[in-house]
Amino acid sequence: MVRKKDNNFPNPEGKINVLKRYLHILALLQSPPGTNETWNAARLAQLLSLEEDEKDISDSHVRKYIKDHIENELGISVDRTQGGLITALAEDLDPDMQLEIARVYSDFVVKDSTRDMILQKFIAANPDRALWTLARIYFAALEKRMIQCSYKTNEGQLLTGWKLCPCYFIFRNNNLYLIVYDVDMKKYLPLVAERIQNIVVCDKKHDISWEVPDVDELFATSLSAFIDNTNIVEVTIRYSQVVKTIIENIIASLQPAIQKEPNNWHRATFTISDYLYLCKQLVLYGREVEIVSPHKVRQAMIHMLKESLSVYEQ
């Protein structure tokens, strides 16, 4: 088995480091309005040199990164003052562009232990083909080729020779999932990637065509990895000021309508498809949160609480 030693992988021709450097510069130049912090190339070079793997970064490097990559490649203008001070970006970055940049930049500045744990599980399940699995399914989706695989369900049942239409991999709820379309069931399914085995990419000659759904639209009514937009319910909950921030963070992706109630309580209404998962999240906060409606979701919560309590009443 080939193991990573003291080499500088991955860094083909220094391009990874170049990307990291100019994204650092871009981020530092997005100064808040009204700040009196100004930069010059020498100061930026000094900051970049603080990283352990960086050496001999000069102000000429910084000026080149700004001109070649930030201005020419990304098309982002940078303000300069007479005398060469680099002050800030000349324009605001719209949210979509910031998200696109942050997806890449976060790999350099954010520690993601959860993502590492998920990938370690996936590699442990596929020690001799983990990277191949990612690449082969990715390109099968681009070529619109079906795959055939074996899969172990949540109940432990082993499905063999299952033919599916691959869409994309996604990290969600502490797992790596492959989103697929099942032609027979006529629905999209999230498969836990580490349970997929014996993958074969099918011949391209088939009459089946499938759409690859937008991720945000696919999970628009789901808090978990559950996909079933045919069973959506409108739920209303109420919660105290004590757990306001926590509860609203949990349901934020569902775009709730929120109203304030007397005595520092709040009410939120939203649509959701995986209401059992919602119940599991809310049960942690006891009397500080209540499911108001609909009746079936309220009853599901009551049943869950009684089932839990029964273990301790024996």
Protein backbone atom coordinates (compact mmCIF):
# COMPACT_ATOMS: atom_id res chain seq x y z
CA MET A 1 0.00 0.00 0.00
CA VAL A 2 1.33 3.44 -0.94
CA ARG A 3 1.42 5.77 2.05
CA LYS A 4 1.87 9.54 2.24
CA LYS A 5 5.27 10.37 3.76
CA ASP A 6 7.03 13.72 3.96
CA ASN A 7 6.31 14.81 0.41
CA ASN A 8 4.38 17.98 -0.38
CA PHE A 9 1.44 16.25 -2.04
CA PRO A 10 -0.86 17.60 -3.29
CA ASN A 11 0.97 20.47 -4.90
CA PRO A 12 1.46 19.89 -8.64
CA GLU A 13 3.84 22.58 -9.90
CA GLY A 14 2.97 24.75 -6.89
CA LYS A 15 -0.52 25.45 -8.25
CA ILE A 16 -2.33 24.52 -5.03
CA ASN A 17 -0.21 26.99 -3.08
CA VAL A 18 -0.78 29.71 -5.69
CA LEU A 19 -4.53 29.20 -5.34
CA LYS A 20 -4.30 29.36 -1.56
CA ARG A 21 -2.18 32.53 -1.64
CA TYR A 22 -4.38 34.58 -3.90
CA LEU A 23 -7.52 33.51 -2.06
CA HIS A 24 -5.88 34.63 1.19
CA ILE A 25 -5.18 38.01 -0.43
CA LEU A 26 -8.70 38.29 -1.82
CA ALA A 27 -10.19 37.55 1.60
CA LEU A 28 -7.96 40.08 3.38
CA LEU A 29 -8.85 42.75 0.84
CA GLN A 30 -12.57 42.35 1.55
CA SER A 31 -12.24 44.90 4.32
CA PRO A 32 -15.39 45.93 6.24
CA PRO A 33 -16.78 49.37 5.31
CA GLY A 34 -15.25 52.13 7.38
CA THR A 35 -12.17 50.19 8.41
CA ASN A 36 -8.93 52.10 8.60
CA GLU A 37 -6.86 49.03 7.84
CA THR A 38 -4.82 49.38 4.66
CA TRP A 39 -2.47 46.98 2.97
CA ASN A 40 0.57 47.10 0.83
CA ALA A 41 2.16 44.21 -1.03
CA ALA A 42 4.96 43.86 1.52
CA ARG A 43 2.57 43.52 4.48
CA LEU A 44 0.45 40.93 2.63
CA ALA A 45 3.60 39.00 1.72
CA GLN A 46 4.62 39.06 5.38
CA LEU A 47 1.30 37.55 6.43
CA LEU A 48 1.41 34.83 3.77
CA SER A 49 4.91 33.88 4.91
CA LEU A 50 3.58 33.01 8.38
CA GLU A 51 2.22 29.67 7.15
CA GLU A 52 4.55 26.77 7.85
CA ASP A 53 4.71 25.59 4.25
CA GLU A 54 5.43 29.04 2.80
CA LYS A 55 8.87 30.55 2.21
CA ASP A 56 10.33 33.50 0.33
CA ILE A 57 7.06 35.19 -0.66
CA SER A 58 7.86 38.69 -1.87
CA ASP A 59 5.78 41.78 -2.55
CA SER A 60 6.27 41.15 -6.27
CA HIS A 61 4.58 37.78 -5.84
CA VAL A 62 1.62 39.51 -4.17
CA ARG A 63 1.28 42.08 -6.95
CA LYS A 64 1.41 39.28 -9.53
CA TYR A 65 -1.29 37.28 -7.70
CA ILE A 66 -3.55 40.34 -7.59
CA LYS A 67 -3.07 41.18 -11.26
CA ASP A 68 -3.03 37.70 -12.78
CA HIS A 69 -5.55 35.89 -10.62
CA ILE A 70 -7.83 38.27 -8.71
CA GLU A 71 -8.21 40.89 -11.44
CA ASN A 72 -7.65 38.96 -14.68
CA GLU A 73 -8.98 35.49 -13.81
CA LEU A 74 -11.75 36.34 -11.35
CA GLY A 75 -12.52 39.77 -12.84
CA ILE A 76 -12.50 41.49 -9.42
CA SER A 77 -11.17 45.03 -9.27
CA VAL A 78 -8.80 46.15 -6.51
CA ASP A 79 -8.48 49.74 -5.27
CA ARG A 80 -5.03 51.27 -5.18
CA THR A 81 -3.94 54.64 -3.83
CA GLN A 82 -1.23 56.90 -5.16
CA GLY A 83 2.03 55.50 -3.88
CA GLY A 84 1.02 51.88 -4.30
CA LEU A 85 -1.04 51.13 -1.18
CA ILE A 86 -3.56 48.38 -1.81
CA THR A 87 -6.63 49.37 0.16
CA ALA A 88 -9.51 46.99 -0.54
CA LEU A 89 -11.65 45.43 -3.21
CA ALA A 90 -13.15 48.07 -5.48
CA GLU A 91 -16.53 46.34 -5.47
CA ASP A 92 -18.74 44.26 -3.24
CA LEU A 93 -18.86 40.54 -3.94
CA ASP A 94 -22.37 39.23 -4.45
CA PRO A 95 -23.45 36.30 -2.21
CA ASP A 96 -23.32 33.72 -5.02
CA MET A 97 -19.73 34.62 -5.88
CA GLN A 98 -18.74 34.63 -2.22
CA LEU A 99 -20.24 31.16 -1.82
CA GLU A 100 -18.35 29.89 -4.86
CA ILE A 101 -15.07 31.28 -3.50
CA ALA A 102 -15.77 30.16 0.08
CA ARG A 103 -16.30 26.55 -1.04
CA VAL A 104 -12.67 26.45 -2.15
CA TYR A 105 -11.15 28.85 0.39
CA SER A 106 -12.68 27.04 3.37
CA ASP A 107 -10.55 23.98 2.56
CA PHE A 108 -7.49 26.07 3.43
CA VAL A 109 -8.69 27.89 6.57
CA VAL A 110 -11.40 25.72 8.16
CA LYS A 111 -10.70 22.53 10.11
CA ASP A 112 -13.38 20.02 9.09
CA SER A 113 -13.10 17.04 11.43
CA THR A 114 -16.62 15.88 10.51
CA ARG A 115 -15.77 15.67 6.82
CA ASP A 116 -12.55 13.79 7.61
CA MET A 117 -14.49 11.31 9.77
CA ILE A 118 -17.01 10.72 6.97
CA LEU A 119 -14.29 10.15 4.38
CA GLN A 120 -12.38 7.84 6.74
CA LYS A 121 -15.50 5.67 7.09
CA PHE A 122 -15.92 5.62 3.31
CA ILE A 123 -12.26 4.66 2.75
CA ALA A 124 -12.45 1.94 5.44
CA ALA A 125 -15.38 0.41 3.57
CA ASN A 126 -13.53 0.68 0.24
CA PRO A 127 -9.82 0.47 1.10
CA ASP A 128 -8.72 -0.56 -2.39
CA ARG A 129 -11.15 1.48 -4.50
CA ALA A 130 -12.39 4.56 -2.58
CA LEU A 131 -11.03 7.14 -5.02
CA TRP A 132 -12.02 5.01 -8.02
CA THR A 133 -15.60 4.83 -6.69
CA LEU A 134 -15.84 8.61 -6.42
CA ALA A 135 -14.35 9.21 -9.86
CA ARG A 136 -16.11 6.41 -11.71
CA ILE A 137 -19.58 7.32 -10.47
CA TYR A 138 -18.90 11.03 -11.04
CA PHE A 139 -18.07 10.43 -14.70
CA ALA A 140 -20.85 7.87 -15.13
CA ALA A 141 -23.27 10.64 -14.11
CA LEU A 142 -21.68 13.03 -16.62
CA GLU A 143 -21.93 10.41 -19.38
CA LYS A 144 -25.53 9.57 -18.40
CA ARG A 145 -24.63 5.93 -17.86
CA MET A 146 -26.48 3.78 -15.35
CA ILE A 147 -24.65 1.85 -12.66
CA GLN A 148 -25.31 -1.59 -11.21
CA CYS A 149 -24.39 -2.27 -7.60
CA SER A 150 -25.04 -4.11 -4.37
CA TYR A 151 -26.39 -2.17 -1.39
CA LYS A 152 -27.10 -2.94 2.25
CA THR A 153 -30.27 -1.21 3.51
CA ASN A 154 -30.86 0.28 6.96
CA GLU A 155 -32.57 -2.98 7.93
CA GLY A 156 -29.52 -5.03 6.90
CA GLN A 157 -31.04 -6.43 3.72
CA LEU A 158 -28.54 -6.91 0.89
CA LEU A 159 -29.81 -5.79 -2.52
CA THR A 160 -27.82 -7.16 -5.47
CA GLY A 161 -27.76 -6.24 -9.15
CA TRP A 162 -29.59 -2.97 -8.44
CA LYS A 163 -29.60 -0.73 -11.52
CA LEU A 164 -29.69 2.99 -10.78
CA CYS A 165 -29.17 6.37 -12.43
CA PRO A 166 -26.41 8.28 -10.57
CA CYS A 167 -26.70 12.04 -9.95
CA TYR A 168 -24.02 13.22 -7.47
CA PHE A 169 -22.35 12.67 -4.10
CA ILE A 170 -23.31 14.92 -1.20
CA PHE A 171 -22.22 15.37 2.42
CA ARG A 172 -25.28 15.52 4.67
CA ASN A 173 -26.05 14.66 8.29
CA ASN A 174 -22.66 13.14 9.05
CA ASN A 175 -22.67 10.84 6.02
CA LEU A 176 -21.54 10.77 2.42
CA TYR A 177 -24.53 10.01 0.19
CA LEU A 178 -24.89 9.15 -3.48
CA ILE A 179 -28.10 10.61 -4.87
CA VAL A 180 -29.57 8.27 -7.45
CA TYR A 181 -32.76 7.97 -9.48
CA ASP A 182 -34.55 4.61 -9.41
CA VAL A 183 -36.39 4.14 -12.71
CA ASP A 184 -38.73 1.44 -11.38
CA MET A 185 -39.67 3.35 -8.23
CA LYS A 186 -39.68 6.64 -10.16
CA LYS A 187 -38.04 8.50 -7.30
CA TYR A 188 -34.72 9.93 -6.12
CA LEU A 189 -32.97 8.09 -3.30
CA PRO A 190 -30.04 8.93 -1.00
CA LEU A 191 -27.70 5.92 -0.68
CA VAL A 192 -25.09 5.86 2.07
CA ALA A 193 -21.93 5.74 -0.03
CA GLU A 194 -19.97 3.35 2.20
CA ARG A 195 -22.68 0.68 1.76
CA ILE A 196 -22.44 0.66 -2.03
CA GLN A 197 -20.40 -2.30 -3.31
CA ASN A 198 -19.68 -4.22 -6.54
CA ILE A 199 -20.14 -1.21 -8.80
CA VAL A 200 -20.37 -1.79 -12.53
CA VAL A 201 -20.89 1.06 -14.99
CA CYS A 202 -23.49 -0.12 -17.50
CA ASP A 203 -23.29 0.18 -21.25
CA LYS A 204 -24.37 3.61 -22.44
CA LYS A 205 -26.85 2.16 -24.95
CA HIS A 206 -30.15 2.58 -23.14
CA ASP A 207 -33.29 4.61 -23.65
CA ILE A 208 -33.45 5.89 -20.09
CA SER A 209 -32.97 9.57 -19.42
CA TRP A 210 -33.09 11.27 -16.05
CA GLU A 211 -32.84 14.80 -14.74
CA VAL A 212 -30.23 15.74 -12.18
CA PRO A 213 -32.12 17.82 -9.60
CA ASP A 214 -30.73 20.93 -7.96
CA VAL A 215 -29.49 20.04 -4.46
CA ASP A 216 -31.31 22.89 -2.75
CA GLU A 217 -34.58 22.05 -4.49
CA LEU A 218 -34.24 18.33 -3.75
CA PHE A 219 -33.83 18.96 -0.02
CA ALA A 220 -36.00 22.08 0.20
CA THR A 221 -38.42 20.45 2.69
CA SER A 222 -35.97 18.13 4.43
CA LEU A 223 -33.74 18.56 7.46
CA SER A 224 -32.14 15.14 7.04
CA ALA A 225 -31.07 13.16 3.98
CA PHE A 226 -34.68 12.01 3.54
CA ILE A 227 -36.18 12.66 0.10
CA ASP A 228 -39.95 12.52 -0.36
CA ASN A 229 -41.55 15.69 -1.64
CA THR A 230 -44.90 13.91 -2.03
CA ASN A 231 -45.52 13.77 1.72
CA ILE A 232 -45.07 17.39 2.75
CA VAL A 233 -46.90 18.74 5.79
CA GLU A 234 -47.22 22.25 7.20
CA VAL A 235 -45.98 22.27 10.77
CA THR A 236 -46.34 24.93 13.45
CA ILE A 237 -44.18 24.93 16.55
CA ARG A 238 -43.81 27.31 19.47
CA TYR A 239 -40.68 27.81 21.53
CA SER A 240 -39.34 29.97 24.35
CA GLN A 241 -36.76 32.71 24.21
CA VAL A 242 -34.34 30.35 26.00
CA VAL A 243 -33.99 28.12 22.90
CA LYS A 244 -34.88 30.69 20.23
CA THR A 245 -31.47 30.80 18.55
CA ILE A 246 -31.03 27.03 18.60
CA ILE A 247 -34.50 26.21 17.23
CA GLU A 248 -34.34 28.83 14.51
CA ASN A 249 -30.94 27.50 13.43
CA ILE A 250 -32.43 24.00 13.15
CA ILE A 251 -35.36 25.07 10.95
CA ALA A 252 -33.62 27.90 9.04
CA SER A 253 -33.32 25.93 5.78
CA LEU A 254 -37.09 25.44 5.74
CA GLN A 255 -37.64 29.21 5.48
CA PRO A 256 -40.13 29.43 8.37
CA ALA A 257 -42.60 32.24 8.95
CA ILE A 258 -41.88 33.42 12.50
CA GLN A 259 -44.10 35.44 14.82
CA LYS A 260 -43.53 36.68 18.34
CA GLU A 261 -45.97 35.61 21.08
CA PRO A 262 -46.60 36.95 24.58
CA ASN A 263 -44.30 36.06 27.47
CA ASN A 264 -41.18 35.81 25.29
CA TRP A 265 -42.41 32.87 23.23
CA HIS A 266 -42.24 32.52 19.45
CA ARG A 267 -44.21 30.64 16.81
CA ALA A 268 -42.85 29.28 13.52
CA THR A 269 -44.70 27.73 10.59
CA PHE A 270 -43.00 25.85 7.75
CA THR A 271 -43.42 22.91 5.38
CA ILE A 272 -41.43 19.72 5.92
CA SER A 273 -41.32 16.19 4.59
CA ASP A 274 -39.20 14.45 7.27
CA TYR A 275 -41.20 15.43 10.34
CA LEU A 276 -40.02 12.40 12.34
CA TYR A 277 -36.48 13.73 12.08
CA LEU A 278 -37.77 17.11 13.29
CA CYS A 279 -39.30 15.41 16.34
CA LYS A 280 -35.93 13.81 17.14
CA GLN A 281 -34.28 17.23 17.03
CA LEU A 282 -36.88 18.95 19.19
CA VAL A 283 -37.10 16.28 21.87
CA LEU A 284 -33.77 17.53 23.25
CA TYR A 285 -35.31 20.82 24.38
CA GLY A 286 -38.10 19.47 26.56
CA ARG A 287 -40.74 21.93 27.70
CA GLU A 288 -39.05 24.84 25.93
CA VAL A 289 -40.57 23.79 22.57
CA GLU A 290 -43.97 22.42 21.55
CA ILE A 291 -45.36 21.06 18.29
CA VAL A 292 -48.71 22.82 17.85
CA SER A 293 -49.94 21.27 14.60
CA PRO A 294 -50.78 19.20 12.64
CA HIS A 295 -52.29 16.51 14.85
CA LYS A 296 -50.32 13.62 13.26
CA VAL A 297 -46.97 15.30 13.90
CA ARG A 298 -47.95 16.21 17.46
CA GLN A 299 -49.02 12.58 18.02
CA ALA A 300 -45.75 11.34 16.53
CA MET A 301 -43.85 13.39 19.10
CA ILE A 302 -46.07 12.11 21.95
CA HIS A 303 -45.50 8.51 20.80
CA MET A 304 -41.75 9.06 20.64
CA LEU A 305 -41.67 10.53 24.15
CA LYS A 306 -43.79 7.68 25.58
CA GLU A 307 -41.62 5.06 23.91
CA SER A 308 -38.51 6.63 25.42
CA LEU A 309 -40.09 6.94 28.86
CA SER A 310 -41.26 3.30 28.84
CA VAL A 311 -37.65 2.08 28.94
CA TYR A 312 -37.12 3.84 32.28
CA GLU A 313 -40.47 2.81 33.83
CA GLN A 314 -39.77 -0.93 33.68
